[in-house]
Protein backbone atom coordinates (compact mmCIF):
# COMPACT_ATOMS: atom_id res chain seq x y z
CA MET A 1 0.04 0.22 0.00
CA THR A 2 2.89 2.46 0.30
CA TRP A 3 3.19 2.51 -3.40
CA LEU A 4 -0.09 3.40 -4.03
CA ARG A 5 0.12 6.41 -1.37
CA THR A 6 3.47 7.75 -3.03
CA ILE A 7 1.42 7.67 -6.57
CA LEU A 8 -1.21 9.27 -5.50
CA ARG A 9 0.85 11.94 -3.59
CA LYS A 10 2.94 12.33 -7.04
CA ILE A 11 -0.43 13.07 -8.61
CA VAL A 12 -1.86 15.63 -6.15
CA GLY A 13 1.65 17.23 -6.39
CA LEU A 14 1.33 17.86 -10.08
CA PHE A 15 -2.06 20.27 -9.21
CA ILE A 16 -0.96 21.30 -5.47
CA ASP A 17 2.20 22.89 -5.08
CA ASP A 18 1.12 24.70 -1.49
CA PRO A 19 -0.79 22.52 0.46
CA VAL A 20 -1.39 25.53 2.92
CA LEU A 21 -2.88 27.92 0.15
CA ALA A 22 -4.86 24.74 -0.93
CA ALA A 23 -6.15 23.84 2.09
CA GLY A 24 -7.06 28.13 3.02
CA VAL A 25 -8.69 28.35 -0.34
CA ALA A 26 -11.01 25.16 0.13
CA VAL A 27 -11.51 26.48 3.94
CA TRP A 28 -12.74 29.72 2.88
CA ILE A 29 -14.60 28.72 -0.09
CA ALA A 30 -16.63 26.04 2.17
CA LEU A 31 -17.01 29.22 5.09
CA VAL A 32 -18.57 31.40 2.30
CA ALA A 33 -21.02 28.72 1.25
CA LEU A 34 -21.86 27.84 4.46
CA LEU A 35 -22.58 31.86 4.73
CA GLY A 36 -25.15 31.64 1.92
CA ILE A 37 -26.87 28.68 3.62
CA VAL A 38 -27.49 30.81 6.79
CA ALA A 39 -27.99 34.41 4.73
CA PRO A 40 -29.01 33.63 1.15
CA GLU A 41 -30.01 37.81 0.66
CA MET A 42 -26.35 38.55 1.08
CA ALA A 43 -24.94 37.68 -2.17
CA HIS A 44 -23.43 40.75 -3.47
CA VAL A 45 -21.67 40.48 -0.07
CA ARG A 46 -20.64 36.94 0.02
CA ALA A 47 -19.02 37.55 -3.24
CA PHE A 48 -16.82 40.59 -2.42
CA ALA A 49 -15.87 38.43 0.74
CA LEU A 50 -15.16 35.60 -1.71
CA ALA A 51 -13.14 37.92 -3.61
CA LEU A 52 -11.36 39.67 -0.35
CA GLY A 53 -10.80 36.40 1.26
CA LEU A 54 -9.01 34.59 -1.69
CA CYS A 55 -6.76 37.53 -2.24
CA ALA A 56 -5.75 37.53 1.71
CA ILE A 57 -4.85 33.69 1.37
CA LEU A 58 -3.05 34.73 -1.72
CA MET A 59 -0.87 37.36 -0.35
CA LEU A 60 -0.49 35.45 3.15
CA SER A 61 0.73 32.20 0.90
CA ILE A 62 3.32 34.44 -1.23
CA VAL A 63 4.61 35.92 2.01
CA LEU A 64 5.17 33.07 3.40
CA GLY A 65 6.95 31.17 0.53
CA ALA A 66 9.28 34.35 -0.05
CA THR A 67 9.98 33.76 4.03
CA ARG A 68 10.65 30.04 3.89
CA SER A 69 14.07 29.14 3.38
CA PRO A 70 14.78 26.71 0.58
């Protein structure tokens, strides 16, 4: 089963370069989707929150990537 895990890790690595960025984006999208269930009348606010949150996650990922040692 180790070979299967290795193959899956390599396939995922093709699409996801930074797992922290991927997890942050997934969590933020889930939170905005939950906001849509709780308050569906605030669609324009959700779009704005989604855009700002994704920009913040991307900026944080860039800063963390620049400060990490190779």
